[in-house]
């Protein structure tokens, strides 16, 4: 059904995606990874662009007595956002008290997961920045659509969706939710995201923690290098 997979692993995909995002390097970018699979991809992007890396959690709100049916989602961030599917909410007559309780529950789960990965550090603000949302691929696009809607409400200056692989029809449905989409390949037929990787091993919690720490160190070193003059350059002549 498929030819040779387009990517060896998520790091390979991230390095190739970073090359396609080079034009955003000088625009104060903030790279947001959808955990867990998006983190290795986003790590390579953040390091290549000299950008900060953070996580963006999206938690589905399940319908009463039928949790698998999503009535919306809560999107992480400095200003968490509730994104509802108004049609489903109205059709089911979901009470506002239920929505508030489910929102509270999912915000608590986001806080717990964020704490496990980054400790007590608060989400990085998106307002006024070039925000690049990264995942390892998209199939149906439901989670990514909620992520983009939530991120947009945090008032970024420029909102970008960046993924190695996704179906063309899904990308078309997402174009109105952001300012720019960068996708390396859109195979037809598409199948599952993992089919386009040689190695699609599940990303572990420890790998997420390690990559976030490495990205933070790389960004700090990059900031120091950018602030310091080149060796031998007089301080009054820092061109």
Protein backbone atom coordinates (compact mmCIF):
# COMPACT_ATOMS: atom_id res chain seq x y z
CA UNK A 1 0.00 0.00 0.00
CA UNK A 2 2.84 2.39 0.86
CA UNK A 3 6.28 3.03 -0.58
CA UNK A 4 9.34 3.71 1.50
CA UNK A 5 8.52 5.71 4.67
CA UNK A 6 9.35 9.40 4.32
CA UNK A 7 11.14 9.70 7.69
CA UNK A 8 13.50 7.52 9.70
CA UNK A 9 12.25 8.71 13.09
CA UNK A 10 10.84 11.81 14.78
CA UNK A 11 14.24 13.46 15.12
CA UNK A 12 14.88 13.05 11.41
CA UNK A 13 11.47 14.54 10.69
CA UNK A 14 12.18 17.42 13.07
CA UNK A 15 15.48 18.32 11.46
CA UNK A 16 13.89 18.35 8.03
CA UNK A 17 10.94 20.36 9.29
CA UNK A 18 13.30 22.87 10.90
CA UNK A 19 14.93 23.49 7.53
CA UNK A 20 11.53 24.41 6.10
CA UNK A 21 10.88 26.79 9.00
CA UNK A 22 14.15 28.69 8.79
CA UNK A 23 12.40 31.88 7.68
CA UNK A 24 10.85 32.16 11.15
CA UNK A 25 14.11 32.04 13.10
CA UNK A 26 14.42 35.81 13.55
CA UNK A 27 10.82 36.38 14.62
CA UNK A 28 11.04 35.54 18.35
CA UNK A 29 9.49 32.09 17.81
CA UNK A 30 7.94 29.97 20.52
CA UNK A 31 7.72 26.29 19.61
CA UNK A 32 4.86 24.37 21.23
CA UNK A 33 4.90 20.58 21.09
CA UNK A 34 1.84 18.39 21.35
CA UNK A 35 2.99 15.66 23.77
CA UNK A 36 4.25 13.16 23.67
CA UNK A 37 5.02 12.31 20.05
CA UNK A 38 5.40 15.91 18.96
CA UNK A 39 8.21 16.61 21.43
CA UNK A 40 11.18 15.01 19.57
CA UNK A 41 10.07 16.76 16.37
CA UNK A 42 9.61 20.11 18.11
CA UNK A 43 12.95 19.74 19.92
CA UNK A 44 14.84 19.69 16.64
CA UNK A 45 12.84 22.68 15.39
CA UNK A 46 13.43 24.72 18.54
CA UNK A 47 17.18 24.05 18.64
CA UNK A 48 17.62 24.86 14.95
CA UNK A 49 15.67 28.13 15.26
CA UNK A 50 17.20 29.14 18.59
CA UNK A 51 13.66 29.17 19.98
CA UNK A 52 12.06 28.41 23.31
CA UNK A 53 10.27 25.07 23.57
CA UNK A 54 7.16 24.40 25.62
CA UNK A 55 4.32 21.89 25.69
CA UNK A 56 0.74 22.47 24.60
CA UNK A 57 -1.73 20.09 26.20
CA UNK A 58 -5.17 19.48 24.69
CA UNK A 59 -7.66 17.55 26.79
CA UNK A 60 -10.97 16.35 25.39
CA UNK A 61 -14.19 17.02 27.28
CA UNK A 62 -16.35 13.91 27.08
CA UNK A 63 -20.13 13.92 26.84
CA UNK A 64 -22.22 12.89 29.88
CA UNK A 65 -22.35 9.08 30.16
CA UNK A 66 -20.36 8.76 26.92
CA UNK A 67 -16.80 9.98 27.46
CA UNK A 68 -15.60 8.91 24.03
CA UNK A 69 -17.83 11.53 22.39
CA UNK A 70 -16.06 14.85 22.62
CA UNK A 71 -18.16 17.93 23.31
CA UNK A 72 -15.08 20.12 23.17
CA UNK A 73 -11.59 20.48 24.55
CA UNK A 74 -9.55 22.56 26.94
CA UNK A 75 -6.29 23.92 25.55
CA UNK A 76 -3.32 24.61 27.79
CA UNK A 77 -1.43 27.89 27.84
CA UNK A 78 -0.75 31.00 29.93
CA UNK A 79 -4.46 31.62 29.36
CA UNK A 80 -6.14 28.18 29.07
CA UNK A 81 -9.03 28.12 26.63
CA UNK A 82 -12.26 26.15 26.43
CA UNK A 83 -13.13 25.17 22.87
CA UNK A 84 -16.65 23.75 22.61
CA UNK A 85 -18.40 21.93 19.78
CA UNK A 86 -21.55 24.02 20.06
CA UNK A 87 -23.59 21.79 17.75
CA UNK A 88 -23.01 18.68 19.85
CA UNK A 89 -23.53 20.58 23.11
CA UNK A 90 -26.89 21.84 21.88
CA UNK A 91 -27.98 18.51 20.41
CA UNK A 92 -27.26 16.68 23.67
CA UNK A 93 -28.51 19.49 25.88
CA UNK A 94 -25.33 19.35 27.97
CA UNK A 95 -25.85 21.35 31.18
CA UNK A 96 -23.49 24.24 31.89
CA UNK A 97 -22.76 22.80 35.34
CA UNK A 98 -21.48 19.61 33.71
CA UNK A 99 -19.24 21.59 31.37
CA UNK A 100 -17.77 23.57 34.26
CA UNK A 101 -17.11 20.41 36.26
CA UNK A 102 -15.50 18.66 33.29
CA UNK A 103 -13.41 21.75 32.54
CA UNK A 104 -12.19 21.85 36.13
CA UNK A 105 -11.30 18.14 35.99
CA UNK A 106 -9.36 18.43 32.73
CA UNK A 107 -7.51 21.56 33.87
CA UNK A 108 -6.41 19.59 36.91
CA UNK A 109 -5.16 16.79 34.67
CA UNK A 110 -3.24 19.28 32.52
CA UNK A 111 -1.67 20.78 35.65
CA UNK A 112 -0.69 17.31 36.85
CA UNK A 113 0.89 16.35 33.53
CA UNK A 114 2.65 19.69 33.11
CA UNK A 115 4.06 19.35 36.61
CA UNK A 116 5.41 15.91 35.77
CA UNK A 117 7.26 17.24 32.74
CA UNK A 118 8.38 20.76 33.69
CA UNK A 119 7.85 21.02 37.43
CA UNK A 120 6.35 24.28 38.61
CA UNK A 121 7.19 26.32 35.51
CA UNK A 122 4.15 28.12 34.12
CA UNK A 123 3.24 27.93 30.42
CA UNK A 124 5.13 30.43 28.28
CA UNK A 125 2.96 33.36 27.11
CA UNK A 126 2.05 33.38 23.42
CA UNK A 127 0.85 36.97 23.09
CA UNK A 128 2.70 38.96 20.45
CA UNK A 129 4.98 36.09 19.45
CA UNK A 130 5.42 33.82 16.45
CA UNK A 131 3.94 30.58 17.78
CA UNK A 132 4.77 27.32 16.01
CA UNK A 133 2.61 24.34 16.99
CA UNK A 134 4.35 21.04 16.19
CA UNK A 135 3.20 17.43 16.14
CA UNK A 136 4.69 14.28 14.59
CA UNK A 137 1.83 14.09 12.09
CA UNK A 138 -1.90 14.59 11.66
CA UNK A 139 -4.61 12.14 10.66
CA UNK A 140 -8.10 13.53 11.30
CA UNK A 141 -6.95 16.83 12.81
CA UNK A 142 -9.42 17.11 15.69
CA UNK A 143 -6.82 17.67 18.41
CA UNK A 144 -4.76 20.03 16.28
CA UNK A 145 -7.82 22.08 15.37
CA UNK A 146 -8.64 22.59 19.05
CA UNK A 147 -4.98 23.45 19.75
CA UNK A 148 -4.98 26.11 17.04
CA UNK A 149 -8.27 27.61 18.22
CA UNK A 150 -7.05 27.78 21.79
CA UNK A 151 -3.67 29.20 20.81
CA UNK A 152 -5.29 31.86 18.61
CA UNK A 153 -7.20 33.17 21.63
CA UNK A 154 -3.85 33.76 23.35
CA UNK A 155 -3.18 36.49 20.75
CA UNK A 156 0.02 35.38 18.99
CA UNK A 157 1.37 37.73 16.33
CA UNK A 158 1.74 34.86 13.86
CA UNK A 159 0.38 31.33 14.33
CA UNK A 160 2.01 28.45 12.45
CA UNK A 161 1.13 24.77 12.24
CA UNK A 162 4.20 22.66 11.43
CA UNK A 163 4.04 18.89 10.88
CA UNK A 164 6.11 16.41 8.89
CA UNK A 165 3.15 14.57 7.40
CA UNK A 166 -0.63 15.00 7.05
CA UNK A 167 -3.42 14.33 4.54
CA UNK A 168 -4.03 17.19 2.14
CA UNK A 169 -7.75 17.32 2.93
CA UNK A 170 -7.05 17.66 6.65
CA UNK A 171 -4.62 20.49 6.02
CA UNK A 172 -7.25 22.25 3.90
CA UNK A 173 -9.67 22.08 6.83
CA UNK A 174 -7.10 23.66 9.16
CA UNK A 175 -5.96 26.57 6.99
CA UNK A 176 -8.48 29.03 8.41
CA UNK A 177 -7.32 28.29 11.96
CA UNK A 178 -3.78 29.65 11.55
CA UNK A 179 -1.66 32.07 9.54
CA UNK A 180 0.69 29.51 7.99
CA UNK A 181 0.98 25.76 7.55
CA UNK A 182 4.25 23.97 6.88
CA UNK A 183 3.89 20.27 6.04
CA UNK A 184 6.65 18.31 4.33
CA UNK A 185 4.67 15.49 2.73
CA UNK A 186 0.98 14.71 2.10
CA UNK A 187 0.83 11.11 0.83
CA UNK A 188 -2.23 9.72 -0.90
CA UNK A 189 -3.46 7.29 0.31
CA UNK A 190 -2.51 8.41 3.80
CA UNK A 191 -3.34 5.65 6.28
CA UNK A 192 -1.85 6.08 9.76
CA UNK A 193 0.82 8.59 10.79
CA UNK A 194 3.16 5.81 11.93
CA UNK A 195 3.21 4.28 8.46
CA UNK A 196 5.37 7.18 7.29
CA UNK A 197 8.17 6.51 9.80
CA UNK A 198 10.67 3.68 9.84
CA UNK A 199 10.88 4.02 13.64
CA UNK A 200 7.68 5.21 15.31
CA UNK A 201 8.51 3.98 18.82
CA UNK A 202 6.33 5.61 21.47
CA UNK A 203 7.94 8.64 23.09
CA UNK A 204 8.47 8.04 26.80
CA UNK A 205 7.83 10.48 29.64
CA UNK A 206 11.54 10.48 30.45
CA UNK A 207 12.41 11.40 26.88
CA UNK A 208 10.01 14.35 27.07
CA UNK A 209 11.64 15.58 30.29
CA UNK A 210 15.15 15.14 28.86
CA UNK A 211 14.42 16.92 25.59
CA UNK A 212 12.72 19.85 27.31
CA UNK A 213 15.75 20.30 29.55
CA UNK A 214 18.16 20.07 26.62
CA UNK A 215 16.13 22.60 24.64
CA UNK A 216 16.10 25.02 27.58
CA UNK A 217 19.88 24.76 27.91
CA UNK A 218 20.39 25.26 24.17
CA UNK A 219 18.18 28.36 24.22
CA UNK A 220 20.08 29.83 27.17
CA UNK A 221 23.42 29.26 25.47
CA UNK A 222 22.10 30.77 22.27
CA UNK A 223 20.88 33.86 24.15
CA UNK A 224 24.29 34.26 25.81
CA UNK A 225 26.09 33.88 22.49
CA UNK A 226 23.79 36.43 20.86
CA UNK A 227 24.32 38.94 23.68
CA UNK A 228 28.12 38.65 23.91
CA UNK A 229 30.39 40.31 21.33
CA UNK A 230 32.69 38.14 19.32
CA UNK A 231 36.10 37.50 21.00
CA UNK A 232 38.39 40.48 20.48
CA UNK A 233 35.57 42.85 19.52
CA UNK A 234 35.65 46.11 21.50
CA UNK A 235 32.49 46.62 23.52
CA UNK A 236 31.85 49.89 21.79
CA UNK A 237 31.94 48.25 18.38
CA UNK A 238 29.40 45.41 18.68
CA UNK A 239 28.02 45.41 15.16
